[in-house]
């Protein structure tokens, strides 16, 4: 489970599968979006509950909803 637990802004979670080991400068378009959430943990917090294989490279992005 991925969850934001404290924030002063409306969080938005994106969870991606990366084609290889993630590195600074990777284009987000090279990742595959697996799950996303806005207020699953109650406004303004986010929560993703997902079962994943034991292998793979993943990226979590925590952003402000609306891009502020």
C-alpha atoms as a PDB file:
ATOM      1  CA  UNK A   1       0.000   0.000   0.000  1.00  0.00           C
ATOM      2  CA  UNK A   2       1.146   3.528  -0.823  1.00  0.00           C
ATOM      3  CA  UNK A   3      -0.384   6.358   1.157  1.00  0.00           C
ATOM      4  CA  UNK A   4       0.273  10.013   1.868  1.00  0.00           C
ATOM      5  CA  UNK A   5      -0.250  10.673   5.564  1.00  0.00           C
ATOM      6  CA  UNK A   6       0.374  14.391   5.993  1.00  0.00           C
ATOM      7  CA  UNK A   7       0.172  17.176   3.461  1.00  0.00           C
ATOM      8  CA  UNK A   8      -0.596  20.863   3.227  1.00  0.00           C
ATOM      9  CA  UNK A   9      -1.861  20.410  -0.341  1.00  0.00           C
ATOM     10  CA  UNK A  10      -4.190  18.026  -2.226  1.00  0.00           C
ATOM     11  CA  UNK A  11      -1.946  15.051  -3.047  1.00  0.00           C
ATOM     12  CA  UNK A  12      -2.191  12.878  -6.137  1.00  0.00           C
ATOM     13  CA  UNK A  13      -0.332   9.539  -6.393  1.00  0.00           C
ATOM     14  CA  UNK A  14       0.851   7.954  -9.633  1.00  0.00           C
ATOM     15  CA  UNK A  15       2.391   4.476  -9.586  1.00  0.00           C
ATOM     16  CA  UNK A  16       4.371   3.355 -12.637  1.00  0.00           C
ATOM     17  CA  UNK A  17       6.196   0.311 -13.968  1.00  0.00           C
ATOM     18  CA  UNK A  18       9.568   1.368 -15.399  1.00  0.00           C
ATOM     19  CA  UNK A  19      11.122  -0.453 -18.386  1.00  0.00           C
ATOM     20  CA  UNK A  20      14.453  -0.648 -16.529  1.00  0.00           C
ATOM     21  CA  UNK A  21      16.148   0.841 -13.507  1.00  0.00           C
ATOM     22  CA  UNK A  22      14.690   4.354 -13.103  1.00  0.00           C
ATOM     23  CA  UNK A  23      17.147   7.219 -13.441  1.00  0.00           C
ATOM     24  CA  UNK A  24      17.053  10.977 -13.087  1.00  0.00           C
ATOM     25  CA  UNK A  25      15.980  12.540 -16.357  1.00  0.00           C
ATOM     26  CA  UNK A  26      13.777   9.632 -17.483  1.00  0.00           C
ATOM     27  CA  UNK A  27      10.736  10.754 -19.434  1.00  0.00           C
ATOM     28  CA  UNK A  28       7.528   9.870 -17.650  1.00  0.00           C
ATOM     29  CA  UNK A  29       6.148   8.717 -20.995  1.00  0.00           C
ATOM     30  CA  UNK A  30       8.653   5.834 -20.882  1.00  0.00           C
ATOM     31  CA  UNK A  31       6.827   4.424 -17.822  1.00  0.00           C
ATOM     32  CA  UNK A  32       3.588   2.424 -17.783  1.00  0.00           C
ATOM     33  CA  UNK A  33       0.944   3.816 -15.430  1.00  0.00           C
ATOM     34  CA  UNK A  34      -0.305   1.010 -13.152  1.00  0.00           C
ATOM     35  CA  UNK A  35      -2.460   2.907 -10.642  1.00  0.00           C
ATOM     36  CA  UNK A  36      -3.360   6.431  -9.565  1.00  0.00           C
ATOM     37  CA  UNK A  37      -5.388   8.072  -6.810  1.00  0.00           C
ATOM     38  CA  UNK A  38      -6.466  11.504  -5.653  1.00  0.00           C
ATOM     39  CA  UNK A  39      -8.428  11.330  -2.378  1.00  0.00           C
ATOM     40  CA  UNK A  40      -8.494   7.611  -1.497  1.00  0.00           C
ATOM     41  CA  UNK A  41      -7.209   8.310   2.019  1.00  0.00           C
ATOM     42  CA  UNK A  42      -9.685  11.182   2.484  1.00  0.00           C
ATOM     43  CA  UNK A  43      -9.180  14.720   1.244  1.00  0.00           C
ATOM     44  CA  UNK A  44      -6.403  15.888   0.794  1.00  0.00           C
ATOM     45  CA  UNK A  45      -4.587  12.528   1.060  1.00  0.00           C
ATOM     46  CA  UNK A  46      -4.068   9.731  -1.463  1.00  0.00           C
ATOM     47  CA  UNK A  47      -3.891   5.952  -1.159  1.00  0.00           C
ATOM     48  CA  UNK A  48      -3.134   3.115  -3.562  1.00  0.00           C
ATOM     49  CA  UNK A  49      -3.594  -0.524  -2.554  1.00  0.00           C
ATOM     50  CA  UNK A  50      -2.262  -2.965  -5.133  1.00  0.00           C
ATOM     51  CA  UNK A  51      -0.693  -6.442  -5.240  1.00  0.00           C
ATOM     52  CA  UNK A  52       2.462  -6.550  -7.356  1.00  0.00           C
ATOM     53  CA  UNK A  53       4.798  -9.239  -8.638  1.00  0.00           C
ATOM     54  CA  UNK A  54       8.015  -9.566  -6.642  1.00  0.00           C
ATOM     55  CA  UNK A  55      10.100  -8.413  -9.603  1.00  0.00           C
ATOM     56  CA  UNK A  56      10.072  -5.189 -11.558  1.00  0.00           C
ATOM     57  CA  UNK A  57      11.174  -1.588 -11.325  1.00  0.00           C
ATOM     58  CA  UNK A  58       8.585   0.850 -10.059  1.00  0.00           C
ATOM     59  CA  UNK A  59       8.292   4.621  -9.723  1.00  0.00           C
ATOM     60  CA  UNK A  60       6.012   6.508  -7.318  1.00  0.00           C
ATOM     61  CA  UNK A  61       5.182  10.139  -8.045  1.00  0.00           C
ATOM     62  CA  UNK A  62       3.497  12.284  -5.390  1.00  0.00           C
ATOM     63  CA  UNK A  63       2.181  15.490  -6.881  1.00  0.00           C
ATOM     64  CA  UNK A  64      -0.210  18.300  -6.097  1.00  0.00           C
ATOM     65  CA  UNK A  65      -3.603  17.759  -7.691  1.00  0.00           C
ATOM     66  CA  UNK A  66      -4.127  20.365 -10.387  1.00  0.00           C
ATOM     67  CA  UNK A  67      -0.392  20.871 -10.864  1.00  0.00           C
ATOM     68  CA  UNK A  68      -0.022  23.760  -8.438  1.00  0.00           C
END
